[in-house]
Amino acid sequence: MVQKILIIGYVWPEPNSSAAGSRMMQLISVFLSQCWEVVFASPAQESVHKYPLEALGVHSCSIELNSDSFDTYVKELAPTMVLFDRFMMEEQFGWRVSQNCPDALRVLDTEDLHCLRKAREKAVKQGRAFETSDLNSSIALREIASIYRCDLSFMISSYEMALLEGHFKVPKNILVYVPFLRNEISLETMERTPSFAERNHFITVGSFLHAPNLDAVRYLKTKIWPELRKKNPKAEMHVYGSYPTQKAMQLHNPKERFLVKGWAKDAQEVVKKARVCLSPLRFGAGMKGKLLEAMICGTPSVTSKIGAEAMHADLPWNGFVEDTLEGFIKAASQLYNEEKKWLSAQKNGISIVNTVYSKKRIGKQLVQRIEDTQQNINAHRIQNFTGAMLLHHSMKSTEFMSRWIVEKNKNSNG
């Protein structure tokens, strides 16, 4: 079968701005390696950091929300598979794909479990511990319904896979574990990166539009850095991230050696120059691209349990995992000053990358799962009665809401 993949993106891919952008480009790379035709469509405005998809042979197209023009577009395109980037895109376009391309495999790439991230954020803001009952929210109802309506859902986190199966009782056969996909690295490759002595300063990287990142930077500035800079009087804290907000830039303080540097054109270049990566995430979900990049760059890290969640398959961490303020500061200072511990942590990072994120192995498994599901699509859908039921009812509600908006727009334009 000649595959034609339509990706409906929540945003245009920006691999140098966010982990989500890198993740999308990794999936596209796997599809292209099979000589599949890939089309990327999005209702979002294009940004200056958008990846030039056409250079890879990927056709891109702007589409409209709540417009019947998409029906004509997708019918003429006739994709064999449609990948929805986040559940919001499935809500908007899923029923249209189902009506116009009923045989196309419908796949959801969750990026991370939004209901988990939001529940953890709520608990942190309320100054209490997260409880699984926090998951039973309106966003969970929407997100889990979207997962059920799709034939397959790509899950980046093994923790979230277990949560869906255990807490939400989602059938295992509609979930696919797809972590970040990276090429394996060797000790020889790592030896070509800057040495312990050639590196300086602490670093953190992450899009400021992502709430967990901004919270972590504030925590670094107000709680961690005041003590850590006393222990390391020559070190600086370098904060990189796309789309820095005014609130983020207000944290910039050269006198305290806390430097908010904004967007990095090449994140790996700045991470390779740093000695230690700090990521004190207090809430979040999915996998943390900044911590994987640190491993690939040979930069040990200190993070929280949420930061390391599902990222290392119980292998020794690329540094330290600490949730207490005192423990985090002590671990960061040790890594920064003790070369032996630093080198050991760096080797741990290589093992994690090669064991957990092998693009060659996982990519092959992913392609096989897609093709197997397509070949048995009718039997696969029969087993997911709940999904068919939700698709039937959601098509009635979201469809008619969308059609109402279409008519409203026609009248206002007339």
Protein backbone atom coordinates (compact mmCIF):
# COMPACT_ATOMS: atom_id res chain seq x y z
CA MET A 1 0.00 0.00 0.00
CA VAL A 2 1.27 3.47 -0.95
CA GLN A 3 0.79 5.46 2.22
CA LYS A 4 -0.39 9.06 2.18
CA ILE A 5 -0.18 10.60 5.66
CA LEU A 6 -2.08 13.75 6.54
CA ILE A 7 -0.88 15.40 9.75
CA ILE A 8 -3.24 17.99 11.22
CA GLY A 9 -1.06 20.15 13.44
CA TYR A 10 -2.13 22.22 16.41
CA VAL A 11 0.84 24.43 15.53
CA TRP A 12 3.49 24.37 12.82
CA PRO A 13 6.57 22.33 13.87
CA GLU A 14 9.31 24.33 15.62
CA PRO A 15 11.97 21.76 16.64
CA ASN A 16 14.28 24.48 17.95
CA SER A 17 11.54 25.96 20.14
CA SER A 18 9.87 23.04 21.88
CA ALA A 19 10.05 19.33 22.61
CA ALA A 20 6.69 18.96 20.87
CA GLY A 21 8.21 20.39 17.69
CA SER A 22 11.14 17.97 17.89
CA ARG A 23 8.77 15.08 18.52
CA MET A 24 6.71 15.93 15.43
CA MET A 25 9.80 16.11 13.23
CA GLN A 26 10.93 12.72 14.55
CA LEU A 27 7.60 11.16 13.53
CA ILE A 28 7.78 12.80 10.10
CA SER A 29 11.30 11.42 9.70
CA VAL A 30 10.07 7.87 10.37
CA PHE A 31 7.25 8.25 7.82
CA LEU A 32 9.59 9.65 5.17
CA SER A 33 12.08 6.82 5.74
CA GLN A 34 9.35 4.47 4.47
CA CYS A 35 8.92 6.59 1.32
CA TRP A 36 5.44 7.56 2.51
CA GLU A 37 3.91 10.77 1.21
CA VAL A 38 3.47 13.27 4.04
CA VAL A 39 1.22 16.32 4.06
CA PHE A 40 1.17 18.73 7.02
CA ALA A 41 -1.88 20.95 7.47
CA SER A 42 -2.66 23.38 10.27
CA PRO A 43 -5.12 26.15 11.11
CA ALA A 44 -2.42 27.96 13.09
CA GLN A 45 -0.61 31.06 11.91
CA GLU A 46 2.89 30.45 10.62
CA SER A 47 5.73 31.65 12.84
CA VAL A 48 9.28 32.80 12.15
CA HIS A 49 10.64 29.63 13.76
CA LYS A 50 8.56 27.23 11.61
CA TYR A 51 10.60 24.35 10.17
CA PRO A 52 10.89 24.47 6.33
CA LEU A 53 8.92 21.28 5.70
CA GLU A 54 9.08 21.67 1.92
CA ALA A 55 12.84 21.10 2.07
CA LEU A 56 12.08 17.55 3.20
CA GLY A 57 9.52 16.97 0.47
CA VAL A 58 6.60 17.49 2.88
CA HIS A 59 3.73 19.48 1.39
CA SER A 60 2.15 21.99 3.77
CA CYS A 61 -1.31 23.51 3.67
CA SER A 62 -3.25 26.04 5.74
CA ILE A 63 -6.73 24.89 6.71
CA GLU A 64 -9.64 26.64 8.38
CA LEU A 65 -11.51 25.82 11.55
CA ASN A 66 -15.27 25.35 11.26
CA SER A 67 -15.24 25.43 7.47
CA ASP A 68 -16.73 23.02 4.95
CA SER A 69 -13.70 23.69 2.74
CA PHE A 70 -11.83 21.06 4.75
CA ASP A 71 -14.36 18.41 3.66
CA THR A 72 -13.52 18.99 0.01
CA TYR A 73 -9.81 19.18 0.76
CA VAL A 74 -9.55 15.92 2.68
CA LYS A 75 -11.83 14.05 0.27
CA GLU A 76 -9.65 15.00 -2.69
CA LEU A 77 -6.45 14.27 -0.80
CA ALA A 78 -7.74 10.79 0.18
CA PRO A 79 -5.15 10.04 2.90
CA THR A 80 -4.61 6.48 4.10
CA MET A 81 -3.84 7.79 7.59
CA VAL A 82 -4.65 11.01 9.43
CA LEU A 83 -2.57 11.99 12.45
CA PHE A 84 -4.14 14.51 14.83
CA ASP A 85 -1.58 16.57 16.73
CA ARG A 86 -3.19 16.83 20.20
CA PHE A 87 -6.78 16.01 21.05
CA MET A 88 -8.05 19.50 20.22
CA MET A 89 -7.37 18.85 16.54
CA GLU A 90 -9.23 15.54 16.70
CA GLU A 91 -12.21 17.34 18.22
CA GLN A 92 -12.19 19.89 15.41
CA PHE A 93 -11.50 17.66 12.43
CA GLY A 94 -12.06 14.05 13.51
CA TRP A 95 -15.73 13.88 12.56
CA ARG A 96 -15.00 15.44 9.17
CA VAL A 97 -12.26 12.87 8.49
CA SER A 98 -14.59 10.06 9.58
CA GLN A 99 -17.33 11.24 7.21
CA ASN A 100 -15.18 11.98 4.17
CA CYS A 101 -12.42 9.36 4.53
CA PRO A 102 -14.00 6.51 6.52
CA ASP A 103 -11.28 4.02 5.60
CA ALA A 104 -8.38 6.22 6.70
CA LEU A 105 -6.59 5.19 9.90
CA ARG A 106 -7.26 7.86 12.53
CA VAL A 107 -4.32 8.38 14.90
CA LEU A 108 -3.93 10.75 17.85
CA ASP A 109 -0.51 11.97 18.95
CA THR A 110 -1.22 13.14 22.49
CA GLU A 111 2.21 14.84 22.96
CA ASP A 112 1.57 14.54 26.68
CA LEU A 113 -1.52 13.75 28.74
CA HIS A 114 -3.04 17.21 29.11
CA CYS A 115 -5.41 16.21 31.91
CA LEU A 116 -2.47 14.94 33.98
CA ARG A 117 -0.44 18.13 33.46
CA LYS A 118 -3.39 20.38 34.30
CA ALA A 119 -4.31 18.34 37.40
CA ARG A 120 -0.75 18.53 38.72
CA GLU A 121 -0.60 22.27 38.04
CA LYS A 122 -3.84 22.79 39.97
CA ALA A 123 -2.48 20.85 42.97
CA VAL A 124 0.76 22.89 43.00
CA LYS A 125 -1.12 26.18 42.85
CA GLN A 126 -3.33 25.04 45.71
CA GLY A 127 -0.26 24.07 47.75
CA ARG A 128 -1.16 20.42 48.15
CA ALA A 129 -0.15 16.97 46.91
CA PHE A 130 -1.54 15.67 43.64
CA GLU A 131 -4.20 12.95 43.95
CA THR A 132 -5.49 10.66 41.20
CA SER A 133 -9.00 11.98 41.84
CA ASP A 134 -7.74 15.30 40.41
CA LEU A 135 -7.68 13.60 37.03
CA ASN A 136 -11.46 13.37 36.80
CA SER A 137 -11.88 16.75 35.15
CA SER A 138 -13.70 18.19 32.15
CA ILE A 139 -10.46 18.20 30.16
CA ALA A 140 -10.04 14.50 30.95
CA LEU A 141 -13.52 13.77 29.61
CA ARG A 142 -12.59 15.45 26.34
CA GLU A 143 -9.11 13.96 26.07
CA ILE A 144 -10.02 10.36 26.92
CA ALA A 145 -13.03 10.53 24.58
CA SER A 146 -10.67 11.64 21.81
CA ILE A 147 -8.34 8.70 22.53
CA TYR A 148 -11.28 6.29 22.31
CA ARG A 149 -12.52 7.79 19.02
CA CYS A 150 -9.17 7.23 17.31
CA ASP A 151 -7.95 3.88 16.02
CA LEU A 152 -4.56 4.37 17.70
CA SER A 153 -3.05 6.90 20.12
CA PHE A 154 0.69 7.52 20.28
CA MET A 155 1.78 7.84 23.93
CA ILE A 156 5.18 9.34 24.69
CA SER A 157 5.25 8.23 28.35
CA SER A 158 5.07 4.70 29.79
CA TYR A 159 3.70 6.25 33.00
CA GLU A 160 0.81 7.75 31.07
CA MET A 161 0.21 4.44 29.28
CA ALA A 162 -0.21 2.77 32.68
CA LEU A 163 -2.42 5.60 33.91
CA LEU A 164 -4.74 5.30 30.92
CA GLU A 165 -5.00 1.53 31.27
CA GLY A 166 -5.33 1.51 35.06
CA HIS A 167 -7.25 4.66 36.01
CA PHE A 168 -9.27 5.31 32.86
CA LYS A 169 -9.57 1.65 31.72
CA VAL A 170 -8.53 2.46 28.15
CA PRO A 171 -7.96 -0.74 26.10
CA LYS A 172 -4.29 -1.51 25.56
CA ASN A 173 -4.79 -2.34 21.88
CA ILE A 174 -5.54 1.30 20.95
CA LEU A 175 -2.42 2.66 22.69
CA VAL A 176 1.06 2.73 21.15
CA TYR A 177 4.18 3.60 23.15
CA VAL A 178 6.24 6.03 21.07
CA PRO A 179 8.86 7.94 23.12
CA PHE A 180 11.30 10.40 21.59
CA LEU A 181 13.18 8.83 18.68
CA ARG A 182 16.91 9.49 18.60
CA ASN A 183 19.96 7.94 16.99
CA GLU A 184 22.17 5.94 19.31
CA ILE A 185 25.34 7.62 20.57
CA SER A 186 28.76 6.16 21.30
CA LEU A 187 31.43 6.91 23.86
CA GLU A 188 33.61 8.14 20.98
CA THR A 189 30.92 10.67 20.01
CA MET A 190 30.65 11.84 23.60
CA GLU A 191 34.42 12.29 23.83
CA ARG A 192 34.16 14.87 21.05
CA THR A 193 31.91 17.07 23.19
CA PRO A 194 33.51 19.66 25.51
CA SER A 195 35.12 18.18 28.62
CA PHE A 196 34.30 18.96 32.24
CA ALA A 197 37.07 21.56 32.39
CA GLU A 198 35.95 23.18 29.11
CA ARG A 199 32.42 23.79 30.36
CA ASN A 200 31.04 26.49 32.62
CA HIS A 201 27.78 27.60 34.20
CA PHE A 202 24.34 26.09 34.81
CA ILE A 203 21.65 26.01 32.13
CA THR A 204 17.94 25.41 31.70
CA VAL A 205 16.05 25.29 28.39
CA GLY A 206 12.35 25.28 27.55
CA SER A 207 9.58 27.20 25.82
CA PHE A 208 8.20 29.96 28.03
CA LEU A 209 4.74 29.34 26.57
CA HIS A 210 4.71 26.02 28.44
CA ALA A 211 3.45 26.66 32.00
CA PRO A 212 5.65 24.01 33.74
CA ASN A 213 8.77 25.64 32.28
CA LEU A 214 7.92 29.15 33.43
CA ASP A 215 7.07 27.85 36.90
CA ALA A 216 10.41 25.99 37.04
CA VAL A 217 12.34 29.14 36.05
CA ARG A 218 10.61 31.16 38.76
CA TYR A 219 11.40 28.45 41.29
CA LEU A 220 15.03 28.47 40.18
CA LYS A 221 15.24 32.24 40.54
CA THR A 222 13.51 32.60 43.91
CA LYS A 223 14.36 29.40 45.79
CA ILE A 224 17.31 27.54 44.28
CA TRP A 225 19.66 30.13 42.79
CA PRO A 226 20.07 32.38 45.85
CA GLU A 227 21.76 29.51 47.72
CA LEU A 228 23.38 27.80 44.72
CA ARG A 229 25.19 30.95 43.59
CA LYS A 230 26.65 31.38 47.09
CA LYS A 231 28.17 27.90 46.84
CA ASN A 232 29.45 28.60 43.30
CA PRO A 233 30.49 32.28 43.21
CA LYS A 234 31.88 32.14 39.65
CA ALA A 235 28.98 30.28 38.08
CA GLU A 236 26.12 31.83 36.13
CA MET A 237 22.57 30.59 35.60
CA HIS A 238 21.72 30.69 31.87
CA VAL A 239 18.02 30.48 30.97
CA TYR A 240 17.13 29.74 27.34
CA GLY A 241 13.68 29.37 25.83
CA SER A 242 11.48 30.43 22.94
CA TYR A 243 8.85 33.14 23.28
CA PRO A 244 10.08 34.68 26.56
CA THR A 245 7.26 36.60 28.20
CA GLN A 246 7.61 39.95 29.96
CA LYS A 247 7.26 38.10 33.28
CA ALA A 248 10.14 35.85 32.28
CA MET A 249 12.38 38.71 31.20
CA GLN A 250 11.77 40.45 34.53
CA LEU A 251 13.68 37.57 36.17
CA HIS A 252 16.85 38.61 34.31
CA ASN A 253 19.37 39.93 36.85
CA PRO A 254 23.06 40.24 35.84
CA LYS A 255 24.10 41.29 39.35
CA GLU A 256 22.82 37.96 40.65
CA ARG A 257 24.30 36.15 37.61
CA PHE A 258 20.80 34.98 36.61
CA LEU A 259 20.68 35.56 32.85
CA VAL A 260 17.50 35.09 30.80
CA LYS A 261 18.88 34.75 27.27
CA GLY A 262 15.70 33.87 25.37
CA TRP A 263 15.52 31.76 22.21
CA ALA A 264 18.57 29.72 21.17
CA LYS A 265 18.96 29.15 17.43
CA ASP A 266 20.77 25.89 18.21
CA ALA A 267 19.88 24.57 21.66
CA GLN A 268 22.45 21.78 21.50
CA GLU A 269 25.29 24.24 21.03
CA VAL A 270 24.48 26.14 24.21
CA VAL A 271 23.74 22.98 26.22
CA LYS A 272 27.11 21.46 25.22
CA LYS A 273 28.92 24.47 26.64
CA ALA A 274 27.17 24.24 30.01
CA ARG A 275 28.40 22.02 32.82
CA VAL A 276 25.06 21.16 34.47
CA CYS A 277 21.42 21.35 33.36
CA LEU A 278 18.83 22.23 36.02
CA SER A 279 15.14 21.39 35.64
CA PRO A 280 13.19 21.66 38.93
CA LEU A 281 9.78 20.87 37.42
CA ARG A 282 6.97 20.92 39.97
CA PHE A 283 4.27 19.79 37.56
CA GLY A 284 4.01 18.54 34.00
CA ALA A 285 3.47 15.39 31.98
CA GLY A 286 4.92 13.48 29.05
CA MET A 287 8.66 13.42 28.49
CA LYS A 288 11.02 16.34 28.96
CA GLY A 289 12.89 17.15 25.77
CA LYS A 290 15.35 19.44 27.55
CA LEU A 291 16.57 16.57 29.73
CA LEU A 292 17.02 14.22 26.76
CA GLU A 293 18.92 16.95 24.89
CA ALA A 294 21.16 17.31 27.93
CA MET A 295 21.99 13.59 27.80
CA ILE A 296 22.75 13.78 24.07
CA CYS A 297 25.01 16.78 24.69
CA GLY A 298 26.83 15.02 27.52
CA THR A 299 25.50 17.49 30.08
CA PRO A 300 24.48 15.93 33.42
CA SER A 301 21.28 17.22 34.99
CA VAL A 302 19.45 17.65 38.25
CA THR A 303 15.67 17.38 38.09
CA SER A 304 12.60 16.41 40.08
CA LYS A 305 10.71 13.12 40.11
CA ILE A 306 8.20 14.60 37.68
CA GLY A 307 11.06 15.70 35.43
CA ALA A 308 12.58 12.21 35.34
CA GLU A 309 9.21 10.42 35.15
CA ALA A 310 9.16 7.66 32.49
CA MET A 311 12.43 8.94 31.00
CA HIS A 312 15.04 6.42 32.09
CA ALA A 313 13.43 2.97 32.38
CA ASP A 314 14.80 2.61 35.94
CA LEU A 315 18.39 3.05 34.71
CA PRO A 316 20.65 5.30 36.82
CA TRP A 317 19.83 8.94 36.08
CA ASN A 318 22.03 11.34 34.15
CA GLY A 319 22.88 13.11 37.41
CA PHE A 320 20.45 13.42 40.34
CA VAL A 321 16.70 13.31 40.93
CA GLU A 322 15.78 15.49 43.92
CA ASP A 323 12.46 16.87 45.11
CA THR A 324 13.59 18.72 48.25
CA LEU A 325 15.07 22.20 47.98
CA GLU A 326 18.12 21.30 50.07
CA GLY A 327 18.72 18.07 48.16
CA PHE A 328 18.45 19.81 44.79
CA ILE A 329 20.95 22.54 45.71
CA LYS A 330 23.42 20.04 47.17
CA ALA A 331 23.20 17.74 44.12
CA ALA A 332 23.63 20.63 41.66
CA SER A 333 26.72 21.87 43.48
CA GLN A 334 28.25 18.39 43.63
CA LEU A 335 27.77 17.79 39.91
CA TYR A 336 29.20 21.19 39.11
CA ASN A 337 32.35 20.74 41.17
CA GLU A 338 33.14 16.99 41.26
CA GLU A 339 34.44 15.72 37.91
CA LYS A 340 34.23 12.04 38.87
CA LYS A 341 30.51 12.26 39.62
CA TRP A 342 30.03 14.38 36.51
CA LEU A 343 31.67 11.78 34.23
CA SER A 344 29.69 8.94 35.80
CA ALA A 345 26.45 10.85 35.24
CA GLN A 346 27.42 11.53 31.63
CA LYS A 347 27.88 7.79 30.96
CA ASN A 348 24.49 7.12 32.52
CA GLY A 349 22.98 9.50 29.99
CA ILE A 350 24.47 7.55 27.07
CA SER A 351 22.98 4.31 28.40
CA ILE A 352 19.54 5.91 28.77
CA VAL A 353 19.56 7.36 25.23
CA ASN A 354 20.65 4.09 23.63
CA THR A 355 18.28 1.91 25.67
CA VAL A 356 15.09 3.97 25.78
CA TYR A 357 15.11 6.14 22.65
CA SER A 358 16.50 4.03 19.79
CA LYS A 359 14.98 5.53 16.64
CA LYS A 360 15.87 2.51 14.53
CA ARG A 361 14.21 -0.03 16.84
CA ILE A 362 11.14 1.97 17.88
CA GLY A 363 10.58 3.37 14.38
CA LYS A 364 10.47 -0.14 12.93
CA GLN A 365 7.96 -1.24 15.59
CA LEU A 366 5.82 1.84 14.94
CA VAL A 367 5.61 1.26 11.19
CA GLN A 368 4.68 -2.38 11.78
CA ARG A 369 1.92 -1.43 14.22
CA ILE A 370 0.44 1.08 11.78
CA GLU A 371 0.42 -1.37 8.89
CA ASP A 372 -0.96 -4.23 10.98
CA THR A 373 -3.83 -2.06 12.22
CA GLN A 374 -4.64 -0.87 8.71
CA GLN A 375 -4.81 -4.43 7.41
CA ASN A 376 -7.28 -5.38 10.15
CA ILE A 377 -9.06 -2.05 10.52
CA ASN A 378 -12.63 -3.39 10.58
CA ALA A 379 -11.91 -6.02 13.25
CA HIS A 380 -9.91 -3.44 15.20
CA ARG A 381 -12.81 -1.00 15.22
CA ILE A 382 -15.36 -3.65 16.14
CA GLN A 383 -13.37 -4.33 19.33
CA ASN A 384 -13.62 -0.64 20.28
CA PHE A 385 -17.38 -0.26 20.70
CA THR A 386 -16.95 2.59 23.18
CA GLY A 387 -14.97 4.51 20.58
CA ALA A 388 -17.66 3.95 17.94
CA MET A 389 -20.32 5.10 20.40
CA LEU A 390 -18.38 8.26 21.29
CA LEU A 391 -17.70 8.96 17.62
CA HIS A 392 -21.42 8.65 16.86
CA HIS A 393 -22.48 11.04 19.61
CA SER A 394 -19.58 13.46 19.23
CA MET A 395 -20.29 13.73 15.52
CA LYS A 396 -23.77 14.92 16.43
CA SER A 397 -22.60 17.52 18.97
CA THR A 398 -19.36 18.86 17.49
CA GLU A 399 -20.64 18.55 13.95
CA PHE A 400 -23.75 20.62 14.53
CA MET A 401 -21.87 23.20 16.59
CA SER A 402 -19.39 23.53 13.74
CA ARG A 403 -22.14 23.71 11.13
CA TRP A 404 -23.85 26.42 13.17
CA ILE A 405 -20.62 28.44 13.18
CA VAL A 406 -20.29 27.93 9.40
CA GLU A 407 -23.79 29.29 8.81
CA LYS A 408 -23.22 32.14 11.27
CA ASN A 409 -20.05 33.11 9.40
CA LYS A 410 -21.90 32.98 6.08
CA ASN A 411 -24.62 35.29 7.36
CA SER A 412 -22.18 37.77 8.89
CA ASN A 413 -20.14 37.84 5.68
CA GLY A 414 -23.29 38.30 3.63
